Amino acid sequence: MAKNHPLTRLWHSGAVRRTRHLVAPRLWFRYLTADRRCAPHFLIAGAQKAGTSSLFGYLVGHPQCLPPLIKEVNFYDQNYSRGQRWYRMHFPLEAPNRAVGPGDSPRTFCFEASPHYMFDPQVAARVRESAPSMRAIFLLRQPVNRAYSHYQHEMRRGRVTASFEECIDTEIRQQAGEDLSLQTRASRYGPPGVRLSYLARGVYVDQLRNWRAHFSAEQMLVLEAERLFADPRGAFGEVLAFLGLDPWTPPAFPNLNPGLYKSSMSQAARQRAIAYFAPHNERLFQFLGKRYQWR
C-alpha cells in the first residue's frame, strides 16, 4: 500500500498505533476500515443455552441480514475496553447497507448474538450510551432445563466434575443470607466464572428489569425458547415483524448447536431446582403480563 494512502496514514496514526496490538494481522484491513463498517441494528442478547444459535442461524439466511465476523463478539461485556473501532471491524462494510433515500429504513441490517449480554448488568447501559435506538431479542428457556444444559456444556468442556445436584447446592449455600441483587450475581458468576451460574442465569426477571430501565418495551422482544422450537415458523415471523424485516422463511428450521448430554438429571436435583426457581418465575410472569407453561 502506498505511503500516502489514507489507510497507510491511518495505520501509523497515534490513535491506531496505540491499539493495533489488539488485532491479529489478518484483521488489520478490517480494523483500518472500521469507521466505514455498519453498526449493528439489533442484538440477540440471551439467554445462554436458550436457542440463540438457532435463531442466529435462521437470521443469517435472511436476505436483509448481514451477520458479524463471528457470532459472539462479546464486545459490551468482555471486550468493551477494546473500543468501538475493534467492535465495528467485526461487521460488513456499510456501502451495501445504505438506505434507498433520506429518511428511509436501511435495506439491510447488521446484527450479532452474544448470550452473555442479558446477564451482565453493565451491558444495557453501555449499549444505550452508544446505540440508543438498538433493539434486543431475549430468548427465555425453562430455567431448570437451561441450568442443566449449561451444566452439561461445562461438563463437555471438562470444567466441572461434581454432580449437578452438588453444583446447585453449592450455589444455593453461597447465596444464603447474602445480597442477591443482579449486580452481586453477575460480579460473582459472570465471566470467567460462567460455570458457577447455573441458577443465577435463570433468574430472568431481574435481568430483563435491568434492560427495561434503559430501553423501551418496544425495543425489547422477549420470546419463549420452547415456542421457537415447537412453532419455529410462527416464532420466527414474530422476530421479523419486531425487527421490521420483510417476511421470509428459511428452507428448514434445524436445532443448531444442540448439546449432547452425558447423564440425566436426578429427580432430587430437579425438585431442588424447581423449588428455587418457583418464586422467581412468578415475578417474571407478573413482569411480562403472561404465563409460560413451564413444567
C-alpha atoms as a PDB file:
ATOM      1  CA  MET A   1       0.000   0.000   0.000  1.00  0.00           C
ATOM      2  CA  ALA A   2       1.384   3.413  -0.961  1.00  0.00           C
ATOM      3  CA  LYS A   3       2.953   5.550   1.761  1.00  0.00           C
ATOM      4  CA  ASN A   4       0.456   8.386   1.267  1.00  0.00           C
ATOM      5  CA  HIS A   5      -2.621   6.164   1.004  1.00  0.00           C
ATOM      6  CA  PRO A   6      -5.274   7.218   3.572  1.00  0.00           C
ATOM      7  CA  LEU A   7      -5.267   3.746   5.153  1.00  0.00           C
ATOM      8  CA  THR A   8      -1.486   3.797   5.473  1.00  0.00           C
ATOM      9  CA  ARG A   9      -1.599   7.166   7.229  1.00  0.00           C
ATOM     10  CA  LEU A  10      -4.377   5.899   9.484  1.00  0.00           C
ATOM     11  CA  TRP A  11      -2.386   2.776  10.356  1.00  0.00           C
ATOM     12  CA  HIS A  12       0.545   4.886  11.538  1.00  0.00           C
ATOM     13  CA  SER A  13      -1.590   7.451  13.356  1.00  0.00           C
ATOM     14  CA  GLY A  14      -1.228   7.704  17.111  1.00  0.00           C
ATOM     15  CA  ALA A  15      -4.749   6.526  17.928  1.00  0.00           C
ATOM     16  CA  VAL A  16      -4.439   3.340  15.884  1.00  0.00           C
ATOM     17  CA  ARG A  17      -0.777   2.708  16.756  1.00  0.00           C
ATOM     18  CA  ARG A  18      -1.659   2.592  20.455  1.00  0.00           C
ATOM     19  CA  THR A  19      -4.359  -0.051  19.948  1.00  0.00           C
ATOM     20  CA  ARG A  20      -3.377  -2.116  16.916  1.00  0.00           C
ATOM     21  CA  HIS A  21      -1.735  -4.751  19.154  1.00  0.00           C
ATOM     22  CA  LEU A  22      -5.322  -5.852  19.880  1.00  0.00           C
ATOM     23  CA  VAL A  23      -5.794  -7.026  16.317  1.00  0.00           C
ATOM     24  CA  ALA A  24      -4.404 -10.111  14.567  1.00  0.00           C
ATOM     25  CA  PRO A  25      -2.512  -9.305  11.342  1.00  0.00           C
ATOM     26  CA  ARG A  26      -5.196 -10.989   9.212  1.00  0.00           C
ATOM     27  CA  LEU A  27      -7.729  -8.477  10.574  1.00  0.00           C
ATOM     28  CA  TRP A  28      -5.720  -5.283  10.004  1.00  0.00           C
ATOM     29  CA  PHE A  29      -7.753  -4.260   6.966  1.00  0.00           C
ATOM     30  CA  ARG A  30     -10.983  -4.696   8.919  1.00  0.00           C
ATOM     31  CA  TYR A  31      -9.577  -2.629  11.767  1.00  0.00           C
ATOM     32  CA  LEU A  32      -8.396   0.169   9.474  1.00  0.00           C
ATOM     33  CA  THR A  33     -11.773   0.336   7.719  1.00  0.00           C
ATOM     34  CA  ALA A  34     -13.837   0.071  10.914  1.00  0.00           C
ATOM     35  CA  ASP A  35     -15.328   3.555  10.572  1.00  0.00           C
ATOM     36  CA  ARG A  36     -16.689   2.531   7.160  1.00  0.00           C
ATOM     37  CA  ARG A  37     -18.453  -0.528   8.506  1.00  0.00           C
ATOM     38  CA  CYS A  38     -22.051  -0.718   9.605  1.00  0.00           C
ATOM     39  CA  ALA A  39     -23.019  -0.638  13.257  1.00  0.00           C
ATOM     40  CA  PRO A  40     -25.405  -3.373  14.426  1.00  0.00           C
ATOM     41  CA  HIS A  41     -29.104  -2.580  14.284  1.00  0.00           C
ATOM     42  CA  PHE A  42     -30.132  -5.311  16.725  1.00  0.00           C
ATOM     43  CA  LEU A  43     -28.731  -7.829  19.189  1.00  0.00           C
ATOM     44  CA  ILE A  44     -29.646 -11.341  20.223  1.00  0.00           C
ATOM     45  CA  ALA A  45     -28.789 -10.713  23.867  1.00  0.00           C
ATOM     46  CA  GLY A  46     -29.528 -14.048  25.522  1.00  0.00           C
ATOM     47  CA  ALA A  47     -30.175 -16.146  27.421  1.00  0.00           C
ATOM     48  CA  GLN A  48     -27.292 -18.582  27.320  1.00  0.00           C
ATOM     49  CA  LYS A  49     -28.299 -22.138  26.275  1.00  0.00           C
ATOM     50  CA  ALA A  50     -31.746 -20.953  25.161  1.00  0.00           C
ATOM     51  CA  GLY A  51     -31.674 -21.280  21.375  1.00  0.00           C
ATOM     52  CA  THR A  52     -29.640 -18.212  20.441  1.00  0.00           C
ATOM     53  CA  SER A  53     -27.512 -20.219  17.983  1.00  0.00           C
ATOM     54  CA  SER A  54     -30.608 -21.453  16.166  1.00  0.00           C
ATOM     55  CA  LEU A  55     -32.175 -18.006  15.907  1.00  0.00           C
ATOM     56  CA  PHE A  56     -28.851 -16.550  14.766  1.00  0.00           C
ATOM     57  CA  GLY A  57     -28.598 -19.219  12.077  1.00  0.00           C
ATOM     58  CA  TYR A  58     -32.115 -18.564  10.808  1.00  0.00           C
ATOM     59  CA  LEU A  59     -31.467 -14.814  10.597  1.00  0.00           C
ATOM     60  CA  VAL A  60     -28.146 -15.268   8.795  1.00  0.00           C
ATOM     61  CA  GLY A  61     -30.088 -16.727   5.879  1.00  0.00           C
ATOM     62  CA  HIS A  62     -32.449 -13.756   5.628  1.00  0.00           C
ATOM     63  CA  PRO A  63     -31.621 -11.676   2.525  1.00  0.00           C
ATOM     64  CA  GLN A  64     -31.731  -8.413   4.529  1.00  0.00           C
ATOM     65  CA  CYS A  65     -29.450  -9.556   7.361  1.00  0.00           C
ATOM     66  CA  LEU A  66     -25.683  -9.080   7.488  1.00  0.00           C
ATOM     67  CA  PRO A  67     -24.007 -11.198  10.190  1.00  0.00           C
ATOM     68  CA  PRO A  68     -20.781 -10.338  12.017  1.00  0.00           C
ATOM     69  CA  LEU A  69     -17.403 -11.967  11.509  1.00  0.00           C
ATOM     70  CA  ILE A  70     -18.188 -14.288  14.431  1.00  0.00           C
ATOM     71  CA  LYS A  71     -21.499 -14.970  16.172  1.00  0.00           C
ATOM     72  CA  GLU A  72     -20.498 -13.923  19.700  1.00  0.00           C
ATOM     73  CA  VAL A  73     -18.494 -10.718  19.521  1.00  0.00           C
ATOM     74  CA  ASN A  74     -18.965 -10.159  23.277  1.00  0.00           C
ATOM     75  CA  PHE A  75     -17.963  -6.529  22.947  1.00  0.00           C
ATOM     76  CA  TYR A  76     -20.249  -4.963  25.515  1.00  0.00           C
ATOM     77  CA  ASP A  77     -19.208  -7.367  28.264  1.00  0.00           C
ATOM     78  CA  GLN A  78     -15.787  -8.992  27.823  1.00  0.00           C
ATOM     79  CA  ASN A  79     -14.207  -6.714  25.192  1.00  0.00           C
ATOM     80  CA  TYR A  80     -15.562  -3.262  25.990  1.00  0.00           C
ATOM     81  CA  SER A  81     -12.124  -1.876  26.777  1.00  0.00           C
ATOM     82  CA  ARG A  82     -11.018  -2.596  23.192  1.00  0.00           C
ATOM     83  CA  GLY A  83     -13.149   0.274  21.926  1.00  0.00           C
ATOM     84  CA  GLN A  84     -15.677   0.911  19.178  1.00  0.00           C
ATOM     85  CA  ARG A  85     -13.167   0.546  16.335  1.00  0.00           C
ATOM     86  CA  TRP A  86     -12.436  -3.016  17.455  1.00  0.00           C
ATOM     87  CA  TYR A  87     -16.182  -3.694  17.634  1.00  0.00           C
ATOM     88  CA  ARG A  88     -17.043  -2.222  14.262  1.00  0.00           C
ATOM     89  CA  MET A  89     -14.349  -4.207  12.471  1.00  0.00           C
ATOM     90  CA  HIS A  90     -16.465  -7.327  13.003  1.00  0.00           C
ATOM     91  CA  PHE A  91     -19.224  -6.063  10.695  1.00  0.00           C
ATOM     92  CA  PRO A  92     -19.514  -5.685   6.902  1.00  0.00           C
ATOM     93  CA  LEU A  93     -18.639  -2.519   5.046  1.00  0.00           C
ATOM     94  CA  GLU A  94     -21.593  -0.155   5.164  1.00  0.00           C
ATOM     95  CA  ALA A  95     -21.905   0.531   1.404  1.00  0.00           C
ATOM     96  CA  PRO A  96     -24.493  -2.226   0.799  1.00  0.00           C
ATOM     97  CA  ASN A  97     -26.386  -1.130   3.893  1.00  0.00           C
ATOM     98  CA  ARG A  98     -27.259   2.391   2.720  1.00  0.00           C
ATOM     99  CA  ALA A  99     -30.908   3.384   2.718  1.00  0.00           C
ATOM    100  CA  VAL A 100     -32.776   3.986  -0.515  1.00  0.00           C
ATOM    101  CA  GLY A 101     -33.344   7.661   0.240  1.00  0.00           C
ATOM    102  CA  PRO A 102     -33.346  10.249   3.046  1.00  0.00           C
ATOM    103  CA  GLY A 103     -35.402   9.040   5.988  1.00  0.00           C
ATOM    104  CA  ASP A 104     -35.800   5.529   4.579  1.00  0.00           C
ATOM    105  CA  SER A 105     -35.099   2.441   6.632  1.00  0.00           C
ATOM    106  CA  PRO A 106     -31.942   0.524   5.756  1.00  0.00           C
ATOM    107  CA  ARG A 107     -32.314  -2.231   3.198  1.00  0.00           C
ATOM    108  CA  THR A 108     -30.001  -4.481   5.182  1.00  0.00           C
ATOM    109  CA  PHE A 109     -29.493  -4.942   8.903  1.00  0.00           C
ATOM    110  CA  CYS A 110     -26.302  -5.827  10.796  1.00  0.00           C
ATOM    111  CA  PHE A 111     -26.553  -7.832  13.992  1.00  0.00           C
ATOM    112  CA  GLU A 112     -24.718 -10.072  16.423  1.00  0.00           C
ATOM    113  CA  ALA A 113     -25.615 -12.631  19.088  1.00  0.00           C
ATOM    114  CA  SER A 114     -23.814 -12.623  22.442  1.00  0.00           C
ATOM    115  CA  PRO A 115     -25.940 -14.508  25.003  1.00  0.00           C
ATOM    116  CA  HIS A 116     -23.988 -13.175  27.984  1.00  0.00           C
ATOM    117  CA  TYR A 117     -25.314  -9.658  27.314  1.00  0.00           C
ATOM    118  CA  MET A 118     -28.570 -10.409  29.084  1.00  0.00           C
ATOM    119  CA  PHE A 119     -26.908 -11.378  32.347  1.00  0.00           C
ATOM    120  CA  ASP A 120     -24.136  -8.796  32.670  1.00  0.00           C
ATOM    121  CA  PRO A 121     -25.672  -5.749  34.415  1.00  0.00           C
ATOM    122  CA  GLN A 122     -23.271  -3.292  32.748  1.00  0.00           C
ATOM    123  CA  VAL A 123     -24.220  -4.178  29.181  1.00  0.00           C
ATOM    124  CA  ALA A 124     -27.629  -2.490  28.881  1.00  0.00           C
ATOM    125  CA  ALA A 125     -26.251   0.902  29.969  1.00  0.00           C
ATOM    126  CA  ARG A 126     -23.275   0.562  27.629  1.00  0.00           C
ATOM    127  CA  VAL A 127     -25.489  -0.295  24.667  1.00  0.00           C
ATOM    128  CA  ARG A 128     -27.812   2.597  25.497  1.00  0.00           C
ATOM    129  CA  GLU A 129     -24.915   5.053  25.584  1.00  0.00           C
ATOM    130  CA  SER A 130     -23.532   4.070  22.169  1.00  0.00           C
ATOM    131  CA  ALA A 131     -26.703   2.913  20.351  1.00  0.00           C
ATOM    132  CA  PRO A 132     -29.910   4.256  21.960  1.00  0.00           C
ATOM    133  CA  SER A 133     -32.089   3.002  19.085  1.00  0.00           C
ATOM    134  CA  MET A 134     -30.840  -0.582  19.404  1.00  0.00           C
ATOM    135  CA  ARG A 135     -33.346  -3.434  19.513  1.00  0.00           C
ATOM    136  CA  ALA A 136     -32.670  -6.561  21.553  1.00  0.00           C
ATOM    137  CA  ILE A 137     -34.094 -10.081  21.484  1.00  0.00           C
ATOM    138  CA  PHE A 138     -34.224 -12.251  24.603  1.00  0.00           C
ATOM    139  CA  LEU A 139     -34.928 -15.988  24.496  1.00  0.00           C
ATOM    140  CA  LEU A 140     -36.132 -17.463  27.778  1.00  0.00           C
ATOM    141  CA  ARG A 141     -35.860 -21.213  28.265  1.00  0.00           C
ATOM    142  CA  GLN A 142     -37.482 -23.121  31.110  1.00  0.00           C
ATOM    143  CA  PRO A 143     -34.844 -22.285  33.743  1.00  0.00           C
ATOM    144  CA  VAL A 144     -34.381 -25.789  35.176  1.00  0.00           C
ATOM    145  CA  ASN A 145     -33.678 -27.190  31.717  1.00  0.00           C
ATOM    146  CA  ARG A 146     -31.490 -24.188  30.878  1.00  0.00           C
ATOM    147  CA  ALA A 147     -29.464 -24.751  34.041  1.00  0.00           C
ATOM    148  CA  TYR A 148     -28.908 -28.423  33.257  1.00  0.00           C
ATOM    149  CA  SER A 149     -27.957 -27.669  29.649  1.00  0.00           C
ATOM    150  CA  HIS A 150     -25.461 -25.128  30.993  1.00  0.00           C
ATOM    151  CA  TYR A 151     -24.076 -27.749  33.396  1.00  0.00           C
ATOM    152  CA  GLN A 152     -23.701 -30.312  30.595  1.00  0.00           C
ATOM    153  CA  HIS A 153     -21.932 -27.689  28.474  1.00  0.00           C
ATOM    154  CA  GLU A 154     -19.361 -27.212  31.231  1.00  0.00           C
ATOM    155  CA  MET A 155     -19.062 -30.990  31.674  1.00  0.00           C
ATOM    156  CA  ARG A 156     -18.252 -31.459  27.976  1.00  0.00           C
ATOM    157  CA  ARG A 157     -15.509 -28.861  28.280  1.00  0.00           C
ATOM    158  CA  GLY A 158     -14.037 -30.589  31.315  1.00  0.00           C
ATOM    159  CA  ARG A 159     -14.607 -27.596  33.583  1.00  0.00           C
ATOM    160  CA  VAL A 160     -16.700 -29.393  36.187  1.00  0.00           C
ATOM    161  CA  THR A 161     -16.698 -32.911  37.642  1.00  0.00           C
ATOM    162  CA  ALA A 162     -19.190 -32.597  40.524  1.00  0.00           C
ATOM    163  CA  SER A 163     -22.791 -33.719  40.067  1.00  0.00           C
ATOM    164  CA  PHE A 164     -25.451 -31.221  39.057  1.00  0.00           C
ATOM    165  CA  GLU A 165     -27.102 -31.555  42.460  1.00  0.00           C
ATOM    166  CA  GLU A 166     -23.812 -30.795  44.214  1.00  0.00           C
ATOM    167  CA  CYS A 167     -23.259 -27.762  41.991  1.00  0.00           C
ATOM    168  CA  ILE A 168     -26.648 -26.186  42.628  1.00  0.00           C
ATOM    169  CA  ASP A 169     -26.479 -26.960  46.341  1.00  0.00           C
ATOM    170  CA  THR A 170     -23.138 -25.161  46.465  1.00  0.00           C
ATOM    171  CA  GLU A 171     -24.588 -22.204  44.587  1.00  0.00           C
ATOM    172  CA  ILE A 172     -27.608 -22.014  46.907  1.00  0.00           C
ATOM    173  CA  ARG A 173     -25.410 -22.177  50.005  1.00  0.00           C
ATOM    174  CA  GLN A 174     -23.225 -19.373  48.668  1.00  0.00           C
ATOM    175  CA  GLN A 175     -26.292 -17.205  48.167  1.00  0.00           C
ATOM    176  CA  ALA A 176     -27.842 -17.906  51.582  1.00  0.00           C
ATOM    177  CA  GLY A 177     -28.199 -14.770  53.658  1.00  0.00           C
ATOM    178  CA  GLU A 178     -26.421 -12.600  51.111  1.00  0.00           C
ATOM    179  CA  ASP A 179     -27.460  -9.768  48.815  1.00  0.00           C
ATOM    180  CA  LEU A 180     -28.995 -11.423  45.754  1.00  0.00           C
ATOM    181  CA  SER A 181     -29.097  -8.346  43.539  1.00  0.00           C
ATOM    182  CA  LEU A 182     -28.300  -8.698  39.860  1.00  0.00           C
ATOM    183  CA  GLN A 183     -25.024  -6.864  40.390  1.00  0.00           C
ATOM    184  CA  THR A 184     -23.953  -9.343  43.069  1.00  0.00           C
ATOM    185  CA  ARG A 185     -24.873 -12.366  40.972  1.00  0.00           C
ATOM    186  CA  ALA A 186     -23.079 -11.062  37.898  1.00  0.00           C
ATOM    187  CA  SER A 187     -19.917  -9.996  39.732  1.00  0.00           C
ATOM    188  CA  ARG A 188     -19.642 -13.448  41.295  1.00  0.00           C
ATOM    189  CA  TYR A 189     -20.792 -15.647  38.442  1.00  0.00           C
ATOM    190  CA  GLY A 190     -20.002 -13.651  35.314  1.00  0.00           C
ATOM    191  CA  PRO A 191     -17.043 -14.464  33.019  1.00  0.00           C
ATOM    192  CA  PRO A 192     -14.723 -16.136  33.710  1.00  0.00           C
ATOM    193  CA  GLY A 193     -16.932 -17.787  36.367  1.00  0.00           C
ATOM    194  CA  VAL A 194     -19.619 -18.877  33.900  1.00  0.00           C
ATOM    195  CA  ARG A 195     -19.736 -22.405  35.268  1.00  0.00           C
ATOM    196  CA  LEU A 196     -20.865 -21.159  38.694  1.00  0.00           C
ATOM    197  CA  SER A 197     -24.084 -19.549  37.496  1.00  0.00           C
ATOM    198  CA  TYR A 198     -26.442 -22.425  36.686  1.00  0.00           C
ATOM    199  CA  LEU A 199     -29.197 -20.953  38.846  1.00  0.00           C
ATOM    200  CA  ALA A 200     -28.309 -17.253  38.747  1.00  0.00           C
ATOM    201  CA  ARG A 201     -28.653 -17.005  34.967  1.00  0.00           C
ATOM    202  CA  GLY A 202     -32.180 -18.417  35.131  1.00  0.00           C
ATOM    203  CA  VAL A 203     -33.485 -15.578  37.309  1.00  0.00           C
ATOM    204  CA  TYR A 204     -34.641 -13.803  34.173  1.00  0.00           C
ATOM    205  CA  VAL A 205     -36.846 -11.147  35.727  1.00  0.00           C
ATOM    206  CA  ASP A 206     -34.013  -9.165  37.299  1.00  0.00           C
ATOM    207  CA  GLN A 207     -32.030  -9.238  34.059  1.00  0.00           C
ATOM    208  CA  LEU A 208     -34.990  -8.028  31.995  1.00  0.00           C
ATOM    209  CA  ARG A 209     -35.810  -5.285  34.504  1.00  0.00           C
ATOM    210  CA  ASN A 210     -32.245  -4.043  34.186  1.00  0.00           C
ATOM    211  CA  TRP A 211     -32.589  -3.814  30.392  1.00  0.00           C
ATOM    212  CA  ARG A 212     -36.041  -2.254  30.705  1.00  0.00           C
ATOM    213  CA  ALA A 213     -34.502   0.557  32.772  1.00  0.00           C
ATOM    214  CA  HIS A 214     -32.513   1.594  29.689  1.00  0.00           C
ATOM    215  CA  PHE A 215     -34.732   0.622  26.759  1.00  0.00           C
ATOM    216  CA  SER A 216     -38.422   0.887  25.987  1.00  0.00           C
ATOM    217  CA  ALA A 217     -40.652  -2.155  25.779  1.00  0.00           C
ATOM    218  CA  GLU A 218     -40.904  -1.564  22.018  1.00  0.00           C
ATOM    219  CA  GLN A 219     -37.145  -2.113  21.720  1.00  0.00           C
ATOM    220  CA  MET A 220     -37.200  -5.453  23.548  1.00  0.00           C
ATOM    221  CA  LEU A 221     -38.621  -8.733  22.279  1.00  0.00           C
ATOM    222  CA  VAL A 222     -38.963 -11.472  24.906  1.00  0.00           C
ATOM    223  CA  LEU A 223     -39.578 -14.847  23.306  1.00  0.00           C
ATOM    224  CA  GLU A 224     -40.117 -18.228  24.944  1.00  0.00           C
ATOM    225  CA  ALA A 225     -37.413 -20.589  23.680  1.00  0.00           C
ATOM    226  CA  GLU A 226     -39.761 -23.570  23.790  1.00  0.00           C
ATOM    227  CA  ARG A 227     -42.044 -21.769  21.345  1.00  0.00           C
ATOM    228  CA  LEU A 228     -39.164 -21.177  18.939  1.00  0.00           C
ATOM    229  CA  PHE A 229     -38.642 -24.939  18.721  1.00  0.00           C
ATOM    230  CA  ALA A 230     -42.300 -26.014  18.869  1.00  0.00           C
ATOM    231  CA  ASP A 231     -43.521 -23.400  16.353  1.00  0.00           C
ATOM    232  CA  PRO A 232     -40.411 -22.052  14.611  1.00  0.00           C
ATOM    233  CA  ARG A 233     -42.319 -20.594  11.689  1.00  0.00           C
ATOM    234  CA  GLY A 234     -44.642 -18.565  13.909  1.00  0.00           C
ATOM    235  CA  ALA A 235     -41.932 -17.501  16.357  1.00  0.00           C
ATOM    236  CA  PHE A 236     -39.559 -16.510  13.562  1.00  0.00           C
ATOM    237  CA  GLY A 237     -42.311 -14.470  11.941  1.00  0.00           C
ATOM    238  CA  GLU A 238     -42.730 -12.591  15.224  1.00  0.00           C
ATOM    239  CA  VAL A 239     -38.997 -11.854  15.258  1.00  0.00           C
ATOM    240  CA  LEU A 240     -39.086 -10.500  11.700  1.00  0.00           C
ATOM    241  CA  ALA A 241     -42.072  -8.283  12.488  1.00  0.00           C
ATOM    242  CA  PHE A 242     -40.330  -6.936  15.586  1.00  0.00           C
ATOM    243  CA  LEU A 243     -37.211  -6.077  13.582  1.00  0.00           C
ATOM    244  CA  GLY A 244     -39.087  -4.603  10.623  1.00  0.00           C
ATOM    245  CA  LEU A 245     -37.690  -7.186   8.211  1.00  0.00           C
ATOM    246  CA  ASP A 246     -39.505  -8.489   5.164  1.00  0.00           C
ATOM    247  CA  PRO A 247     -41.416 -11.786   5.590  1.00  0.00           C
ATOM    248  CA  TRP A 248     -39.174 -14.724   4.720  1.00  0.00           C
ATOM    249  CA  THR A 249     -38.990 -18.397   5.633  1.00  0.00           C
ATOM    250  CA  PRO A 250     -35.794 -20.463   5.679  1.00  0.00           C
ATOM    251  CA  PRO A 251     -35.888 -23.835   3.900  1.00  0.00           C
ATOM    252  CA  ALA A 252     -35.690 -25.609   7.278  1.00  0.00           C
ATOM    253  CA  PHE A 253     -35.624 -24.839  10.998  1.00  0.00           C
ATOM    254  CA  PRO A 254     -32.929 -27.158  12.404  1.00  0.00           C
ATOM    255  CA  ASN A 255     -31.893 -27.136  16.038  1.00  0.00           C
ATOM    256  CA  LEU A 256     -28.431 -25.640  15.667  1.00  0.00           C
ATOM    257  CA  ASN A 257     -25.683 -26.330  18.201  1.00  0.00           C
ATOM    258  CA  PRO A 258     -27.613 -28.957  20.231  1.00  0.00           C
ATOM    259  CA  GLY A 259     -25.903 -30.191  23.374  1.00  0.00           C
ATOM    260  CA  LEU A 260     -25.013 -33.858  23.862  1.00  0.00           C
ATOM    261  CA  TYR A 261     -25.798 -34.867  27.447  1.00  0.00           C
ATOM    262  CA  LYS A 262     -23.514 -37.266  29.276  1.00  0.00           C
ATOM    263  CA  SER A 263     -26.037 -38.028  32.028  1.00  0.00           C
ATOM    264  CA  SER A 264     -29.639 -37.430  33.096  1.00  0.00           C
ATOM    265  CA  MET A 265     -30.787 -35.052  35.810  1.00  0.00           C
ATOM    266  CA  SER A 266     -31.713 -36.792  39.044  1.00  0.00           C
ATOM    267  CA  GLN A 267     -35.212 -36.295  40.377  1.00  0.00           C
ATOM    268  CA  ALA A 268     -33.819 -34.837  43.598  1.00  0.00           C
ATOM    269  CA  ALA A 269     -31.822 -32.230  41.683  1.00  0.00           C
ATOM    270  CA  ARG A 270     -34.819 -31.377  39.522  1.00  0.00           C
ATOM    271  CA  GLN A 271     -37.066 -30.822  42.527  1.00  0.00           C
ATOM    272  CA  ARG A 272     -34.379 -28.724  44.202  1.00  0.00           C
ATOM    273  CA  ALA A 273     -34.079 -26.510  41.121  1.00  0.00           C
ATOM    274  CA  ILE A 274     -37.863 -26.271  40.638  1.00  0.00           C
ATOM    275  CA  ALA A 275     -38.263 -25.036  44.210  1.00  0.00           C
ATOM    276  CA  TYR A 276     -35.524 -22.476  43.713  1.00  0.00           C
ATOM    277  CA  PHE A 277     -36.984 -21.004  40.538  1.00  0.00           C
ATOM    278  CA  ALA A 278     -40.666 -21.043  41.548  1.00  0.00           C
ATOM    279  CA  PRO A 279     -40.789 -17.575  43.190  1.00  0.00           C
ATOM    280  CA  HIS A 280     -38.560 -16.018  40.536  1.00  0.00           C
ATOM    281  CA  ASN A 281     -40.759 -17.405  37.763  1.00  0.00           C
ATOM    282  CA  GLU A 282     -43.819 -15.874  39.412  1.00  0.00           C
ATOM    283  CA  ARG A 283     -42.110 -12.493  39.460  1.00  0.00           C
ATOM    284  CA  LEU A 284     -41.201 -12.977  35.804  1.00  0.00           C
ATOM    285  CA  PHE A 285     -44.771 -13.775  34.770  1.00  0.00           C
ATOM    286  CA  GLN A 286     -46.038 -10.690  36.576  1.00  0.00           C
ATOM    287  CA  PHE A 287     -43.417  -8.554  34.827  1.00  0.00           C
ATOM    288  CA  LEU A 288     -44.274  -9.961  31.393  1.00  0.00           C
ATOM    289  CA  GLY A 289     -48.028  -9.984  31.952  1.00  0.00           C
ATOM    290  CA  LYS A 290     -48.269 -13.564  30.694  1.00  0.00           C
ATOM    291  CA  ARG A 291     -47.526 -17.048  31.942  1.00  0.00           C
ATOM    292  CA  TYR A 292     -45.382 -19.682  30.298  1.00  0.00           C
ATOM    293  CA  GLN A 293     -46.406 -23.313  30.653  1.00  0.00           C
ATOM    294  CA  TRP A 294     -43.054 -24.381  32.053  1.00  0.00           C
ATOM    295  CA  ARG A 295     -43.009 -27.853  33.540  1.00  0.00           C
END
